[in-house]
Amino acid sequence: MRRLLLLVAALVGLVGIGGCGGRSIIDEKTRETNRLEMTGAYEVTGLTVSFKPLQDWEIPDEEWRLWVAGWSVDFQKEMNSECYKNITHIKDASEATKSYVECDIYEMDKGGSFGVGGAGFARANVRITDAKTGEVLYEGKLEGKGSSGVFETATAQGRFKFSVLNLARQISDLLETGTARQPD
């Protein structure tokens, strides 16, 4: 019996570890590393979430809208605290006067409790464009993991929030160094 319990504990640990790994960069079409590093200030458009929750998730539309509104605020705050470059927030790209960042979450997974069954994720199309020239400095798909090792990630809402925060951290790294880091 003791061996069986040890085996089950080991399998649960492996599943938890497996849910936390992986690459944060899903696909890159364009990355102008030098231009990203050399640009001193950026404008960040509001976070968009084109993904809609699956019906079996049973998240009412109004609750989902509140979550998305909260993520937008969290995304802005995280960009401000993580990026050492000057960040200004704008409503949309039509207001841009310098290089600007757009982030649209197109896919999400809610994961499972305490990492069992996956940590969850948010996948986003990220585009950074020079408003003066129209040149695309970065275009790619990034993935933010929903695990951070804090109690808040025990719920789907918490894992989604940390997925968004991890996306903001990766984008901040892109703006600073021209490369996205692996999520926390």
N, C-alpha and C. Protein backbone atom coordinates (compact mmCIF):
# COMPACT_ATOMS: atom_id res chain seq x y z
N MET A 1 0.82 -1.19 0.00
CA MET A 1 0.00 0.00 0.00
C MET A 1 0.87 1.27 0.00
N ARG A 2 1.93 1.23 0.77
CA ARG A 2 2.82 2.39 0.85
C ARG A 2 3.47 2.67 -0.51
N ARG A 3 3.84 1.59 -1.22
CA ARG A 3 4.44 1.75 -2.55
C ARG A 3 3.45 2.40 -3.52
N LEU A 4 2.19 2.00 -3.42
CA LEU A 4 1.17 2.55 -4.29
C LEU A 4 1.01 4.06 -4.04
N LEU A 5 1.00 4.45 -2.76
CA LEU A 5 0.88 5.87 -2.42
C LEU A 5 2.08 6.66 -2.93
N LEU A 6 3.28 6.11 -2.83
CA LEU A 6 4.47 6.78 -3.34
C LEU A 6 4.41 6.93 -4.85
N LEU A 7 3.94 5.87 -5.52
CA LEU A 7 3.81 5.92 -6.97
C LEU A 7 2.81 7.00 -7.39
N VAL A 8 1.67 7.05 -6.73
CA VAL A 8 0.65 8.05 -7.04
C VAL A 8 1.21 9.46 -6.79
N ALA A 9 1.90 9.66 -5.67
CA ALA A 9 2.49 10.96 -5.36
C ALA A 9 3.50 11.37 -6.43
N ALA A 10 4.31 10.43 -6.89
CA ALA A 10 5.30 10.73 -7.93
C ALA A 10 4.62 11.11 -9.24
N LEU A 11 3.57 10.40 -9.61
CA LEU A 11 2.85 10.71 -10.85
C LEU A 11 2.18 12.08 -10.78
N VAL A 12 1.59 12.41 -9.63
CA VAL A 12 0.97 13.72 -9.46
C VAL A 12 2.03 14.81 -9.57
N GLY A 13 3.19 14.60 -8.99
CA GLY A 13 4.29 15.56 -9.09
C GLY A 13 4.74 15.77 -10.52
N LEU A 14 4.85 14.69 -11.29
CA LEU A 14 5.25 14.81 -12.68
C LEU A 14 4.22 15.57 -13.51
N VAL A 15 2.94 15.30 -13.26
CA VAL A 15 1.89 16.02 -13.97
C VAL A 15 1.96 17.50 -13.65
N GLY A 16 2.17 17.84 -12.39
CA GLY A 16 2.28 19.25 -11.97
C GLY A 16 3.46 19.94 -12.61
N ILE A 17 4.61 19.26 -12.64
CA ILE A 17 5.80 19.83 -13.26
C ILE A 17 5.59 19.97 -14.76
N GLY A 18 4.98 18.98 -15.38
CA GLY A 18 4.74 19.03 -16.82
C GLY A 18 3.86 20.19 -17.22
N GLY A 19 2.92 20.59 -16.36
CA GLY A 19 2.02 21.70 -16.66
C GLY A 19 2.70 23.04 -16.58
N CYS A 20 3.88 23.13 -15.98
CA CYS A 20 4.52 24.43 -15.78
C CYS A 20 5.58 24.74 -16.82
N GLY A 21 6.00 23.77 -17.61
CA GLY A 21 7.09 23.99 -18.54
C GLY A 21 6.60 24.48 -19.89
N GLY A 22 7.49 24.47 -20.84
CA GLY A 22 7.12 24.83 -22.19
C GLY A 22 7.69 26.16 -22.61
N ARG A 23 7.62 26.38 -23.91
CA ARG A 23 8.16 27.63 -24.46
C ARG A 23 7.11 28.72 -24.39
N SER A 24 7.56 29.92 -24.16
CA SER A 24 6.65 31.06 -24.12
C SER A 24 6.43 31.63 -25.52
N ILE A 25 7.37 31.42 -26.42
CA ILE A 25 7.23 31.93 -27.78
C ILE A 25 6.66 30.80 -28.64
N ILE A 26 5.47 30.99 -29.13
CA ILE A 26 4.83 29.98 -29.95
C ILE A 26 5.26 30.14 -31.40
N ASP A 27 5.27 31.38 -31.86
CA ASP A 27 5.59 31.66 -33.26
C ASP A 27 6.08 33.10 -33.36
N GLU A 28 7.13 33.31 -34.11
CA GLU A 28 7.62 34.66 -34.38
C GLU A 28 7.70 34.87 -35.87
N LYS A 29 7.09 35.94 -36.34
CA LYS A 29 7.18 36.30 -37.75
C LYS A 29 8.25 37.35 -37.97
N THR A 30 8.34 38.30 -37.03
CA THR A 30 9.28 39.42 -37.16
C THR A 30 9.83 39.77 -35.78
N ARG A 31 11.14 39.99 -35.71
CA ARG A 31 11.74 40.49 -34.48
C ARG A 31 12.95 41.33 -34.85
N GLU A 32 12.82 42.64 -34.69
CA GLU A 32 13.90 43.58 -34.94
C GLU A 32 14.55 43.90 -33.59
N THR A 33 15.41 42.99 -33.13
CA THR A 33 15.99 43.08 -31.79
C THR A 33 16.65 44.43 -31.53
N ASN A 34 17.49 44.89 -32.43
CA ASN A 34 18.19 46.17 -32.22
C ASN A 34 17.23 47.34 -32.11
N ARG A 35 16.23 47.38 -32.97
CA ARG A 35 15.24 48.48 -32.94
C ARG A 35 14.45 48.44 -31.65
N LEU A 36 14.09 47.24 -31.19
CA LEU A 36 13.34 47.12 -29.93
C LEU A 36 14.18 47.64 -28.77
N GLU A 37 15.46 47.26 -28.74
CA GLU A 37 16.35 47.70 -27.67
C GLU A 37 16.59 49.21 -27.71
N MET A 38 16.71 49.76 -28.90
CA MET A 38 17.07 51.17 -29.07
C MET A 38 15.90 52.13 -28.82
N THR A 39 14.69 51.65 -28.93
CA THR A 39 13.53 52.51 -28.71
C THR A 39 13.38 52.76 -27.22
N GLY A 40 13.30 54.04 -26.84
CA GLY A 40 13.29 54.39 -25.42
C GLY A 40 11.92 54.50 -24.79
N ALA A 41 10.88 54.67 -25.60
CA ALA A 41 9.53 54.85 -25.06
C ALA A 41 8.52 54.14 -25.97
N TYR A 42 7.50 53.60 -25.35
CA TYR A 42 6.47 52.87 -26.09
C TYR A 42 5.09 53.30 -25.63
N GLU A 43 4.15 53.17 -26.54
CA GLU A 43 2.74 53.33 -26.21
C GLU A 43 2.13 51.92 -26.25
N VAL A 44 1.29 51.63 -25.27
CA VAL A 44 0.67 50.30 -25.18
C VAL A 44 -0.83 50.47 -25.32
N THR A 45 -1.39 49.82 -26.34
CA THR A 45 -2.85 49.88 -26.52
C THR A 45 -3.51 49.02 -25.46
N GLY A 46 -4.81 49.22 -25.29
CA GLY A 46 -5.55 48.42 -24.32
C GLY A 46 -5.51 46.94 -24.69
N LEU A 47 -5.42 46.09 -23.70
CA LEU A 47 -5.43 44.64 -23.90
C LEU A 47 -6.77 44.23 -24.51
N THR A 48 -6.71 43.41 -25.54
CA THR A 48 -7.95 42.87 -26.10
C THR A 48 -7.97 41.36 -25.88
N VAL A 49 -9.17 40.84 -25.71
CA VAL A 49 -9.36 39.40 -25.51
C VAL A 49 -10.44 38.97 -26.50
N SER A 50 -10.00 38.42 -27.63
CA SER A 50 -10.96 37.94 -28.63
C SER A 50 -11.46 36.53 -28.29
N PHE A 51 -10.77 35.85 -27.39
CA PHE A 51 -11.18 34.51 -26.96
C PHE A 51 -12.48 34.59 -26.17
N LYS A 52 -13.35 33.65 -26.41
CA LYS A 52 -14.60 33.53 -25.65
C LYS A 52 -14.57 32.21 -24.87
N PRO A 53 -15.00 32.23 -23.61
CA PRO A 53 -14.95 31.00 -22.81
C PRO A 53 -15.85 29.91 -23.38
N LEU A 54 -15.41 28.68 -23.23
CA LEU A 54 -16.21 27.54 -23.69
C LEU A 54 -17.47 27.43 -22.85
N GLN A 55 -18.53 26.94 -23.46
CA GLN A 55 -19.81 26.86 -22.76
C GLN A 55 -19.74 25.97 -21.52
N ASP A 56 -18.98 24.89 -21.57
CA ASP A 56 -18.92 23.99 -20.42
C ASP A 56 -18.11 24.56 -19.26
N TRP A 57 -17.48 25.72 -19.45
CA TRP A 57 -16.79 26.39 -18.34
C TRP A 57 -17.79 27.06 -17.41
N GLU A 58 -19.00 27.29 -17.93
CA GLU A 58 -20.08 27.85 -17.14
C GLU A 58 -19.70 29.17 -16.46
N ILE A 59 -19.09 30.05 -17.25
CA ILE A 59 -18.77 31.40 -16.77
C ILE A 59 -19.77 32.34 -17.44
N PRO A 60 -20.65 32.95 -16.65
CA PRO A 60 -21.65 33.86 -17.24
C PRO A 60 -20.97 35.02 -17.98
N ASP A 61 -21.61 35.50 -19.03
CA ASP A 61 -21.06 36.58 -19.87
C ASP A 61 -20.66 37.80 -19.04
N GLU A 62 -21.51 38.22 -18.11
CA GLU A 62 -21.22 39.41 -17.31
C GLU A 62 -19.98 39.19 -16.44
N GLU A 63 -19.87 38.00 -15.86
CA GLU A 63 -18.68 37.70 -15.05
C GLU A 63 -17.43 37.71 -15.91
N TRP A 64 -17.51 37.13 -17.11
CA TRP A 64 -16.37 37.11 -18.04
C TRP A 64 -15.93 38.54 -18.38
N ARG A 65 -16.92 39.41 -18.66
CA ARG A 65 -16.59 40.81 -18.98
C ARG A 65 -15.86 41.49 -17.82
N LEU A 66 -16.29 41.19 -16.60
CA LEU A 66 -15.62 41.76 -15.42
C LEU A 66 -14.19 41.24 -15.31
N TRP A 67 -14.00 39.95 -15.57
CA TRP A 67 -12.65 39.37 -15.54
C TRP A 67 -11.76 40.07 -16.56
N VAL A 68 -12.27 40.20 -17.79
CA VAL A 68 -11.48 40.83 -18.87
C VAL A 68 -11.13 42.27 -18.50
N ALA A 69 -12.08 43.01 -17.94
CA ALA A 69 -11.81 44.39 -17.51
C ALA A 69 -10.72 44.41 -16.45
N GLY A 70 -10.76 43.47 -15.51
CA GLY A 70 -9.72 43.37 -14.48
C GLY A 70 -8.37 43.03 -15.07
N TRP A 71 -8.34 42.12 -16.03
CA TRP A 71 -7.07 41.75 -16.67
C TRP A 71 -6.46 42.94 -17.39
N SER A 72 -7.30 43.76 -18.00
CA SER A 72 -6.80 44.94 -18.71
C SER A 72 -6.07 45.87 -17.76
N VAL A 73 -6.63 46.08 -16.58
CA VAL A 73 -5.99 46.93 -15.57
C VAL A 73 -4.71 46.26 -15.07
N ASP A 74 -4.78 44.95 -14.78
CA ASP A 74 -3.61 44.21 -14.30
C ASP A 74 -2.48 44.25 -15.34
N PHE A 75 -2.84 44.10 -16.62
CA PHE A 75 -1.87 44.13 -17.72
C PHE A 75 -1.14 45.48 -17.74
N GLN A 76 -1.90 46.57 -17.64
CA GLN A 76 -1.29 47.90 -17.65
C GLN A 76 -0.36 48.09 -16.46
N LYS A 77 -0.82 47.71 -15.28
CA LYS A 77 0.00 47.87 -14.07
C LYS A 77 1.28 47.05 -14.16
N GLU A 78 1.17 45.83 -14.68
CA GLU A 78 2.35 44.96 -14.80
C GLU A 78 3.33 45.53 -15.82
N MET A 79 2.83 46.04 -16.93
CA MET A 79 3.71 46.67 -17.92
C MET A 79 4.45 47.85 -17.29
N ASN A 80 3.74 48.66 -16.51
CA ASN A 80 4.36 49.81 -15.85
C ASN A 80 5.43 49.40 -14.85
N SER A 81 5.18 48.33 -14.11
CA SER A 81 6.14 47.94 -13.07
C SER A 81 7.29 47.09 -13.61
N GLU A 82 7.08 46.36 -14.68
CA GLU A 82 8.10 45.44 -15.20
C GLU A 82 9.05 46.09 -16.21
N CYS A 83 8.57 47.05 -16.96
CA CYS A 83 9.39 47.62 -18.04
C CYS A 83 10.06 48.90 -17.55
N TYR A 84 11.37 48.97 -17.68
CA TYR A 84 12.10 50.16 -17.23
C TYR A 84 12.01 51.30 -18.25
N LYS A 85 11.50 51.01 -19.44
CA LYS A 85 11.35 52.07 -20.44
C LYS A 85 10.07 52.85 -20.17
N ASN A 86 9.98 54.03 -20.78
CA ASN A 86 8.81 54.88 -20.60
C ASN A 86 7.62 54.25 -21.33
N ILE A 87 6.56 53.97 -20.56
CA ILE A 87 5.35 53.35 -21.10
C ILE A 87 4.19 54.33 -20.96
N THR A 88 3.47 54.54 -22.05
CA THR A 88 2.25 55.34 -22.03
C THR A 88 1.13 54.44 -22.53
N HIS A 89 -0.03 54.54 -21.92
CA HIS A 89 -1.15 53.71 -22.35
C HIS A 89 -2.10 54.53 -23.20
N ILE A 90 -2.49 53.93 -24.33
CA ILE A 90 -3.43 54.57 -25.25
C ILE A 90 -4.60 53.62 -25.49
N LYS A 91 -5.70 54.16 -25.97
CA LYS A 91 -6.89 53.34 -26.18
C LYS A 91 -6.70 52.35 -27.34
N ASP A 92 -6.25 52.87 -28.47
CA ASP A 92 -6.01 51.99 -29.63
C ASP A 92 -4.93 52.57 -30.53
N ALA A 93 -4.58 51.81 -31.55
CA ALA A 93 -3.46 52.15 -32.43
C ALA A 93 -3.66 53.47 -33.17
N SER A 94 -4.90 53.89 -33.37
CA SER A 94 -5.14 55.15 -34.09
C SER A 94 -4.61 56.36 -33.32
N GLU A 95 -4.38 56.23 -32.01
CA GLU A 95 -3.85 57.31 -31.19
C GLU A 95 -2.32 57.33 -31.13
N ALA A 96 -1.68 56.31 -31.69
CA ALA A 96 -0.23 56.16 -31.55
C ALA A 96 0.55 57.25 -32.27
N THR A 97 1.61 57.73 -31.60
CA THR A 97 2.51 58.71 -32.19
C THR A 97 3.95 58.22 -32.23
N LYS A 98 4.22 57.11 -31.56
CA LYS A 98 5.56 56.49 -31.57
C LYS A 98 5.38 54.98 -31.66
N SER A 99 6.37 54.22 -31.31
CA SER A 99 6.24 52.76 -31.37
C SER A 99 5.20 52.31 -30.36
N TYR A 100 4.32 51.43 -30.82
CA TYR A 100 3.21 51.01 -29.96
C TYR A 100 3.07 49.49 -29.95
N VAL A 101 2.47 49.00 -28.86
CA VAL A 101 2.32 47.57 -28.60
C VAL A 101 0.84 47.22 -28.63
N GLU A 102 0.52 46.15 -29.34
CA GLU A 102 -0.84 45.60 -29.34
C GLU A 102 -0.77 44.15 -28.86
N CYS A 103 -1.71 43.77 -28.00
CA CYS A 103 -1.76 42.40 -27.48
C CYS A 103 -3.20 41.93 -27.47
N ASP A 104 -3.47 40.85 -28.20
CA ASP A 104 -4.81 40.27 -28.26
C ASP A 104 -4.73 38.80 -27.85
N ILE A 105 -5.44 38.45 -26.80
CA ILE A 105 -5.49 37.06 -26.33
C ILE A 105 -6.51 36.31 -27.18
N TYR A 106 -6.02 35.31 -27.91
CA TYR A 106 -6.88 34.56 -28.82
C TYR A 106 -7.22 33.16 -28.32
N GLU A 107 -6.53 32.66 -27.29
CA GLU A 107 -6.79 31.32 -26.78
C GLU A 107 -6.44 31.27 -25.30
N MET A 108 -7.27 30.55 -24.53
CA MET A 108 -7.01 30.39 -23.10
C MET A 108 -7.36 28.97 -22.68
N ASP A 109 -6.68 28.52 -21.63
CA ASP A 109 -7.00 27.23 -21.01
C ASP A 109 -7.02 27.46 -19.51
N LYS A 110 -8.05 26.95 -18.86
CA LYS A 110 -8.19 27.25 -17.43
C LYS A 110 -7.39 26.32 -16.53
N GLY A 111 -6.79 25.27 -17.07
CA GLY A 111 -5.94 24.40 -16.25
C GLY A 111 -6.73 23.69 -15.17
N GLY A 112 -6.02 23.25 -14.13
CA GLY A 112 -6.64 22.53 -13.03
C GLY A 112 -6.15 23.04 -11.70
N SER A 113 -6.71 22.54 -10.64
CA SER A 113 -6.36 22.99 -9.29
C SER A 113 -4.94 22.60 -8.92
N PHE A 114 -4.21 23.57 -8.37
CA PHE A 114 -2.85 23.39 -7.86
C PHE A 114 -1.90 22.76 -8.89
N GLY A 115 -2.14 23.03 -10.17
CA GLY A 115 -1.23 22.55 -11.21
C GLY A 115 -1.56 21.17 -11.72
N VAL A 116 -2.44 20.42 -11.03
CA VAL A 116 -2.83 19.10 -11.50
C VAL A 116 -3.77 19.29 -12.68
N GLY A 117 -3.42 18.71 -13.80
CA GLY A 117 -4.22 18.88 -15.00
C GLY A 117 -3.80 20.10 -15.80
N GLY A 118 -2.72 20.73 -15.41
CA GLY A 118 -2.21 21.87 -16.16
C GLY A 118 -2.36 23.16 -15.42
N ALA A 119 -1.46 24.08 -15.70
CA ALA A 119 -1.44 25.37 -15.02
C ALA A 119 -2.33 26.38 -15.73
N GLY A 120 -2.83 26.04 -16.89
CA GLY A 120 -3.59 26.99 -17.67
C GLY A 120 -2.65 27.93 -18.42
N PHE A 121 -3.20 28.64 -19.39
CA PHE A 121 -2.38 29.57 -20.17
C PHE A 121 -3.25 30.58 -20.88
N ALA A 122 -2.62 31.62 -21.37
CA ALA A 122 -3.24 32.59 -22.28
C ALA A 122 -2.27 32.75 -23.44
N ARG A 123 -2.76 32.60 -24.64
CA ARG A 123 -1.95 32.78 -25.84
C ARG A 123 -2.39 34.05 -26.54
N ALA A 124 -1.42 34.83 -26.95
CA ALA A 124 -1.74 36.15 -27.52
C ALA A 124 -0.95 36.44 -28.79
N ASN A 125 -1.60 37.16 -29.69
CA ASN A 125 -0.91 37.77 -30.82
C ASN A 125 -0.36 39.09 -30.32
N VAL A 126 0.94 39.28 -30.49
CA VAL A 126 1.60 40.50 -30.04
C VAL A 126 2.25 41.16 -31.25
N ARG A 127 2.01 42.45 -31.36
CA ARG A 127 2.58 43.21 -32.47
C ARG A 127 3.10 44.54 -31.92
N ILE A 128 4.32 44.87 -32.32
CA ILE A 128 4.93 46.15 -31.95
C ILE A 128 5.27 46.86 -33.26
N THR A 129 4.73 48.06 -33.41
CA THR A 129 4.83 48.79 -34.67
C THR A 129 5.36 50.20 -34.44
N ASP A 130 6.21 50.66 -35.33
CA ASP A 130 6.68 52.05 -35.30
C ASP A 130 5.61 52.89 -36.00
N ALA A 131 4.93 53.75 -35.25
CA ALA A 131 3.82 54.54 -35.80
C ALA A 131 4.28 55.51 -36.88
N LYS A 132 5.52 55.99 -36.80
CA LYS A 132 6.01 56.98 -37.78
C LYS A 132 6.27 56.34 -39.14
N THR A 133 6.86 55.14 -39.14
CA THR A 133 7.22 54.50 -40.41
C THR A 133 6.27 53.38 -40.82
N GLY A 134 5.49 52.88 -39.86
CA GLY A 134 4.61 51.74 -40.14
C GLY A 134 5.33 50.40 -40.09
N GLU A 135 6.64 50.44 -39.81
CA GLU A 135 7.44 49.22 -39.77
C GLU A 135 7.08 48.38 -38.55
N VAL A 136 6.92 47.08 -38.77
CA VAL A 136 6.63 46.15 -37.67
C VAL A 136 7.96 45.73 -37.04
N LEU A 137 8.11 46.03 -35.75
CA LEU A 137 9.33 45.70 -35.03
C LEU A 137 9.26 44.30 -34.42
N TYR A 138 8.05 43.86 -34.10
CA TYR A 138 7.85 42.52 -33.57
C TYR A 138 6.45 42.06 -33.93
N GLU A 139 6.38 40.81 -34.36
CA GLU A 139 5.08 40.16 -34.56
C GLU A 139 5.26 38.69 -34.22
N GLY A 140 4.45 38.24 -33.30
CA GLY A 140 4.53 36.85 -32.91
C GLY A 140 3.40 36.46 -31.98
N LYS A 141 3.43 35.19 -31.61
CA LYS A 141 2.45 34.64 -30.67
C LYS A 141 3.20 34.22 -29.42
N LEU A 142 2.75 34.74 -28.28
CA LEU A 142 3.36 34.41 -27.00
C LEU A 142 2.36 33.67 -26.12
N GLU A 143 2.90 32.91 -25.19
CA GLU A 143 2.05 32.19 -24.24
C GLU A 143 2.44 32.57 -22.82
N GLY A 144 1.46 33.00 -22.05
CA GLY A 144 1.66 33.28 -20.64
C GLY A 144 1.13 32.12 -19.83
N LYS A 145 1.96 31.56 -18.97
CA LYS A 145 1.54 30.45 -18.12
C LYS A 145 0.71 30.96 -16.95
N GLY A 146 -0.22 30.15 -16.49
CA GLY A 146 -1.12 30.56 -15.42
C GLY A 146 -0.69 30.13 -14.04
N SER A 147 0.54 29.70 -13.89
CA SER A 147 1.02 29.24 -12.60
C SER A 147 2.08 30.19 -12.08
N SER A 148 1.97 30.53 -10.81
CA SER A 148 2.98 31.39 -10.22
C SER A 148 3.39 30.91 -8.84
N GLY A 149 2.81 29.81 -8.37
CA GLY A 149 3.16 29.28 -7.06
C GLY A 149 2.45 29.99 -5.91
N VAL A 150 1.45 30.83 -6.22
CA VAL A 150 0.71 31.49 -5.16
C VAL A 150 -0.68 30.89 -5.07
N PHE A 151 -1.31 31.06 -3.91
CA PHE A 151 -2.61 30.46 -3.66
C PHE A 151 -3.66 30.91 -4.67
N GLU A 152 -3.56 32.15 -5.14
CA GLU A 152 -4.55 32.70 -6.05
C GLU A 152 -4.70 31.86 -7.33
N THR A 153 -3.67 31.11 -7.72
CA THR A 153 -3.75 30.31 -8.94
C THR A 153 -4.48 28.99 -8.73
N ALA A 154 -5.06 28.78 -7.56
CA ALA A 154 -5.85 27.58 -7.31
C ALA A 154 -7.21 27.67 -8.00
N THR A 155 -7.59 28.84 -8.50
CA THR A 155 -8.85 29.01 -9.22
C THR A 155 -8.56 29.34 -10.68
N ALA A 156 -9.53 29.05 -11.54
CA ALA A 156 -9.37 29.39 -12.96
C ALA A 156 -9.18 30.89 -13.13
N GLN A 157 -9.93 31.69 -12.40
CA GLN A 157 -9.80 33.15 -12.51
C GLN A 157 -8.39 33.59 -12.14
N GLY A 158 -7.82 33.01 -11.10
CA GLY A 158 -6.46 33.35 -10.69
C GLY A 158 -5.43 32.92 -11.71
N ARG A 159 -5.60 31.72 -12.29
CA ARG A 159 -4.65 31.25 -13.31
C ARG A 159 -4.72 32.13 -14.55
N PHE A 160 -5.93 32.56 -14.93
CA PHE A 160 -6.06 33.47 -16.06
C PHE A 160 -5.33 34.79 -15.77
N LYS A 161 -5.53 35.32 -14.57
CA LYS A 161 -4.88 36.59 -14.20
C LYS A 161 -3.36 36.45 -14.32
N PHE A 162 -2.78 35.37 -13.79
CA PHE A 162 -1.34 35.22 -13.85
C PHE A 162 -0.85 34.92 -15.26
N SER A 163 -1.68 34.33 -16.10
CA SER A 163 -1.34 34.18 -17.51
C SER A 163 -1.16 35.54 -18.16
N VAL A 164 -2.09 36.44 -17.86
CA VAL A 164 -2.03 37.80 -18.41
C VAL A 164 -0.80 38.53 -17.86
N LEU A 165 -0.53 38.39 -16.56
CA LEU A 165 0.65 39.04 -15.98
C LEU A 165 1.93 38.52 -16.62
N ASN A 166 1.99 37.21 -16.86
CA ASN A 166 3.18 36.64 -17.50
C ASN A 166 3.33 37.14 -18.94
N LEU A 167 2.22 37.35 -19.64
CA LEU A 167 2.31 37.95 -20.98
C LEU A 167 2.90 39.36 -20.89
N ALA A 168 2.43 40.15 -19.93
CA ALA A 168 2.95 41.51 -19.76
C ALA A 168 4.45 41.49 -19.46
N ARG A 169 4.90 40.53 -18.67
CA ARG A 169 6.33 40.42 -18.34
C ARG A 169 7.15 40.09 -19.58
N GLN A 170 6.63 39.17 -20.40
CA GLN A 170 7.35 38.80 -21.61
C GLN A 170 7.42 39.97 -22.60
N ILE A 171 6.32 40.70 -22.72
CA ILE A 171 6.31 41.85 -23.62
C ILE A 171 7.28 42.92 -23.10
N SER A 172 7.32 43.11 -21.80
CA SER A 172 8.28 44.06 -21.21
C SER A 172 9.70 43.67 -21.57
N ASP A 173 10.01 42.38 -21.50
CA ASP A 173 11.34 41.92 -21.89
C ASP A 173 11.62 42.19 -23.36
N LEU A 174 10.60 41.99 -24.21
CA LEU A 174 10.77 42.29 -25.63
C LEU A 174 11.14 43.76 -25.83
N LEU A 175 10.46 44.64 -25.12
CA LEU A 175 10.71 46.07 -25.26
C LEU A 175 12.10 46.45 -24.76
N GLU A 176 12.58 45.77 -23.74
CA GLU A 176 13.87 46.09 -23.15
C GLU A 176 15.05 45.44 -23.87
N THR A 177 14.92 44.16 -24.18
CA THR A 177 16.09 43.40 -24.69
C THR A 177 15.89 42.83 -26.08
N GLY A 178 14.67 42.90 -26.62
CA GLY A 178 14.41 42.33 -27.93
C GLY A 178 14.07 40.85 -27.91
N THR A 179 14.03 40.24 -26.73
CA THR A 179 13.64 38.83 -26.61
C THR A 179 12.69 38.64 -25.44
N ALA A 180 11.80 37.67 -25.58
CA ALA A 180 10.86 37.34 -24.50
C ALA A 180 11.48 36.29 -23.60
N ARG A 181 11.26 36.42 -22.32
CA ARG A 181 11.79 35.44 -21.37
C ARG A 181 10.79 34.33 -21.14
N GLN A 182 11.27 33.26 -20.57
CA GLN A 182 10.39 32.18 -20.17
C GLN A 182 9.55 32.65 -19.00
N PRO A 183 8.27 32.24 -18.96
CA PRO A 183 7.40 32.71 -17.88
C PRO A 183 7.82 32.18 -16.52
N ASP A 184 7.44 32.94 -15.47
CA ASP A 184 7.73 32.53 -14.09
C ASP A 184 6.90 31.33 -13.71
